[in-house]
Amino acid sequence: MHTKVEEALHQDFDRWTELVDRAAHAENEVDREKPALAATELEMKWTRTAAEDWRTLHDHWCEEMRTSV
């Protein structure tokens, strides 16, 4: 994968994890909606562009979440 694309993927993935965290900890549905939609848009962008790379990052993140609990 091209270095700039890879950097963008990692930056967007980091942003995605922040948005997911914010949505998960929102106090109500209104506060949850914006970050959840933004996270979905980022995920859709990368699953169309570099699906395998996105899924690899996602799988590693999920594993980290499972082991940190």
N, C-alpha and C. Protein backbone atom coordinates (compact mmCIF):
# COMPACT_ATOMS: atom_id res chain seq x y z
N MET A 1 0.86 -1.18 0.00
CA MET A 1 0.00 0.00 0.00
C MET A 1 0.90 1.24 0.00
N HIS A 2 0.51 2.24 -0.73
CA HIS A 2 1.26 3.49 -0.81
C HIS A 2 1.33 4.15 0.56
N THR A 3 2.47 4.71 0.90
CA THR A 3 2.70 5.27 2.23
C THR A 3 1.68 6.33 2.63
N LYS A 4 1.35 7.26 1.73
CA LYS A 4 0.38 8.31 2.06
C LYS A 4 -1.01 7.72 2.30
N VAL A 5 -1.36 6.73 1.52
CA VAL A 5 -2.65 6.07 1.71
C VAL A 5 -2.66 5.33 3.04
N GLU A 6 -1.56 4.67 3.34
CA GLU A 6 -1.45 3.95 4.61
C GLU A 6 -1.55 4.90 5.79
N GLU A 7 -0.88 6.04 5.69
CA GLU A 7 -0.97 7.05 6.76
C GLU A 7 -2.40 7.53 6.93
N ALA A 8 -3.07 7.80 5.82
CA ALA A 8 -4.46 8.26 5.88
C ALA A 8 -5.35 7.19 6.50
N LEU A 9 -5.11 5.95 6.14
CA LEU A 9 -5.89 4.84 6.70
C LEU A 9 -5.72 4.81 8.22
N HIS A 10 -4.49 4.89 8.69
CA HIS A 10 -4.24 4.83 10.14
C HIS A 10 -4.81 6.06 10.85
N GLN A 11 -4.71 7.22 10.24
CA GLN A 11 -5.29 8.43 10.84
C GLN A 11 -6.81 8.30 10.94
N ASP A 12 -7.42 7.84 9.86
CA ASP A 12 -8.87 7.68 9.88
C ASP A 12 -9.29 6.58 10.84
N PHE A 13 -8.49 5.53 10.96
CA PHE A 13 -8.84 4.48 11.91
C PHE A 13 -8.76 4.99 13.34
N ASP A 14 -7.73 5.78 13.63
CA ASP A 14 -7.63 6.39 14.96
C ASP A 14 -8.83 7.28 15.23
N ARG A 15 -9.22 8.05 14.24
CA ARG A 15 -10.40 8.91 14.38
C ARG A 15 -11.65 8.07 14.59
N TRP A 16 -11.74 6.96 13.84
CA TRP A 16 -12.89 6.06 13.97
C TRP A 16 -13.00 5.51 15.40
N THR A 17 -11.85 5.10 15.97
CA THR A 17 -11.90 4.57 17.33
C THR A 17 -12.34 5.64 18.33
N GLU A 18 -11.91 6.88 18.13
CA GLU A 18 -12.36 7.98 18.99
C GLU A 18 -13.86 8.19 18.87
N LEU A 19 -14.36 8.16 17.65
CA LEU A 19 -15.80 8.36 17.42
C LEU A 19 -16.62 7.22 18.02
N VAL A 20 -16.15 6.00 17.86
CA VAL A 20 -16.84 4.85 18.44
C VAL A 20 -16.88 4.96 19.96
N ASP A 21 -15.76 5.35 20.54
CA ASP A 21 -15.69 5.52 21.99
C ASP A 21 -16.64 6.62 22.46
N ARG A 22 -16.64 7.73 21.74
CA ARG A 22 -17.53 8.83 22.11
C ARG A 22 -19.00 8.42 22.01
N ALA A 23 -19.34 7.71 20.95
CA ALA A 23 -20.72 7.24 20.79
C ALA A 23 -21.09 6.24 21.88
N ALA A 24 -20.17 5.37 22.21
CA ALA A 24 -20.44 4.35 23.23
C ALA A 24 -20.65 4.95 24.61
N HIS A 25 -20.01 6.08 24.87
CA HIS A 25 -20.11 6.69 26.19
C HIS A 25 -21.04 7.90 26.26
N ALA A 26 -21.77 8.12 25.17
CA ALA A 26 -22.71 9.25 25.16
C ALA A 26 -23.83 9.00 26.17
N GLU A 27 -24.32 10.08 26.71
CA GLU A 27 -25.35 9.95 27.74
C GLU A 27 -26.75 9.76 27.19
N ASN A 28 -26.94 10.12 25.92
CA ASN A 28 -28.26 9.94 25.33
C ASN A 28 -28.13 9.74 23.82
N GLU A 29 -29.24 9.42 23.19
CA GLU A 29 -29.26 9.10 21.77
C GLU A 29 -28.85 10.29 20.90
N VAL A 30 -29.20 11.48 21.30
CA VAL A 30 -28.85 12.68 20.53
C VAL A 30 -27.34 12.87 20.50
N ASP A 31 -26.68 12.70 21.65
CA ASP A 31 -25.22 12.84 21.71
C ASP A 31 -24.50 11.69 21.03
N ARG A 32 -25.16 10.57 20.90
CA ARG A 32 -24.56 9.38 20.29
C ARG A 32 -24.63 9.42 18.76
N GLU A 33 -25.62 10.11 18.23
CA GLU A 33 -25.89 10.05 16.79
C GLU A 33 -24.75 10.58 15.91
N LYS A 34 -24.26 11.79 16.19
CA LYS A 34 -23.23 12.39 15.34
C LYS A 34 -21.95 11.56 15.27
N PRO A 35 -21.36 11.18 16.41
CA PRO A 35 -20.13 10.38 16.30
C PRO A 35 -20.38 9.00 15.67
N ALA A 36 -21.54 8.43 15.91
CA ALA A 36 -21.85 7.12 15.32
C ALA A 36 -21.94 7.22 13.80
N LEU A 37 -22.60 8.26 13.31
CA LEU A 37 -22.71 8.45 11.87
C LEU A 37 -21.35 8.74 11.23
N ALA A 38 -20.56 9.56 11.88
CA ALA A 38 -19.23 9.88 11.36
C ALA A 38 -18.35 8.62 11.32
N ALA A 39 -18.45 7.78 12.34
CA ALA A 39 -17.69 6.53 12.37
C ALA A 39 -18.14 5.61 11.24
N THR A 40 -19.42 5.54 11.01
CA THR A 40 -19.95 4.71 9.93
C THR A 40 -19.46 5.20 8.57
N GLU A 41 -19.43 6.51 8.39
CA GLU A 41 -18.94 7.06 7.12
C GLU A 41 -17.47 6.72 6.89
N LEU A 42 -16.65 6.83 7.92
CA LEU A 42 -15.23 6.47 7.79
C LEU A 42 -15.08 4.98 7.46
N GLU A 43 -15.83 4.16 8.15
CA GLU A 43 -15.75 2.72 7.92
C GLU A 43 -16.17 2.39 6.49
N MET A 44 -17.24 2.99 6.01
CA MET A 44 -17.69 2.74 4.64
C MET A 44 -16.65 3.20 3.62
N LYS A 45 -16.03 4.35 3.86
CA LYS A 45 -14.99 4.87 2.97
C LYS A 45 -13.88 3.84 2.79
N TRP A 46 -13.39 3.31 3.91
CA TRP A 46 -12.24 2.42 3.85
C TRP A 46 -12.61 0.99 3.47
N THR A 47 -13.82 0.56 3.76
CA THR A 47 -14.19 -0.78 3.31
C THR A 47 -14.37 -0.80 1.80
N ARG A 48 -14.64 0.34 1.19
CA ARG A 48 -14.69 0.43 -0.27
C ARG A 48 -13.30 0.59 -0.86
N THR A 49 -12.40 1.27 -0.16
CA THR A 49 -11.09 1.63 -0.69
C THR A 49 -10.02 0.57 -0.39
N ALA A 50 -9.96 0.13 0.85
CA ALA A 50 -8.92 -0.83 1.28
C ALA A 50 -9.52 -1.76 2.32
N ALA A 51 -10.46 -2.54 1.89
CA ALA A 51 -11.25 -3.37 2.81
C ALA A 51 -10.39 -4.31 3.66
N GLU A 52 -9.47 -4.98 3.05
CA GLU A 52 -8.65 -5.95 3.80
C GLU A 52 -7.81 -5.26 4.86
N ASP A 53 -7.21 -4.12 4.51
CA ASP A 53 -6.39 -3.38 5.47
C ASP A 53 -7.24 -2.84 6.62
N TRP A 54 -8.43 -2.33 6.30
CA TRP A 54 -9.34 -1.83 7.33
C TRP A 54 -9.73 -2.96 8.27
N ARG A 55 -10.11 -4.10 7.70
CA ARG A 55 -10.54 -5.23 8.53
C ARG A 55 -9.41 -5.73 9.44
N THR A 56 -8.19 -5.71 8.94
CA THR A 56 -7.05 -6.11 9.76
C THR A 56 -6.90 -5.19 10.96
N LEU A 57 -6.95 -3.88 10.72
CA LEU A 57 -6.88 -2.93 11.84
C LEU A 57 -8.05 -3.13 12.79
N HIS A 58 -9.24 -3.32 12.23
CA HIS A 58 -10.44 -3.51 13.05
C HIS A 58 -10.33 -4.76 13.90
N ASP A 59 -9.85 -5.85 13.32
CA ASP A 59 -9.70 -7.10 14.08
C ASP A 59 -8.71 -6.95 15.21
N HIS A 60 -7.59 -6.26 14.96
CA HIS A 60 -6.60 -6.02 16.02
C HIS A 60 -7.19 -5.16 17.13
N TRP A 61 -7.94 -4.14 16.75
CA TRP A 61 -8.57 -3.27 17.74
C TRP A 61 -9.57 -4.05 18.59
N CYS A 62 -10.39 -4.88 17.93
CA CYS A 62 -11.37 -5.69 18.67
C CYS A 62 -10.68 -6.63 19.66
N GLU A 63 -9.58 -7.21 19.22
CA GLU A 63 -8.84 -8.11 20.10
C GLU A 63 -8.27 -7.36 21.30
N GLU A 64 -7.76 -6.16 21.07
CA GLU A 64 -7.25 -5.33 22.17
C GLU A 64 -8.37 -4.98 23.14
N MET A 65 -9.55 -4.69 22.63
CA MET A 65 -10.69 -4.36 23.50
C MET A 65 -11.08 -5.56 24.34
N ARG A 66 -11.06 -6.74 23.75
CA ARG A 66 -11.42 -7.96 24.49
C ARG A 66 -10.42 -8.27 25.59
N THR A 67 -9.14 -8.07 25.31
CA THR A 67 -8.12 -8.43 26.29
C THR A 67 -7.95 -7.36 27.36
N SER A 68 -8.40 -6.14 27.10
CA SER A 68 -8.23 -5.07 28.08
C SER A 68 -9.35 -5.04 29.12
N VAL A 69 -10.36 -5.84 28.93
CA VAL A 69 -11.50 -5.84 29.87
C VAL A 69 -11.23 -6.69 31.05
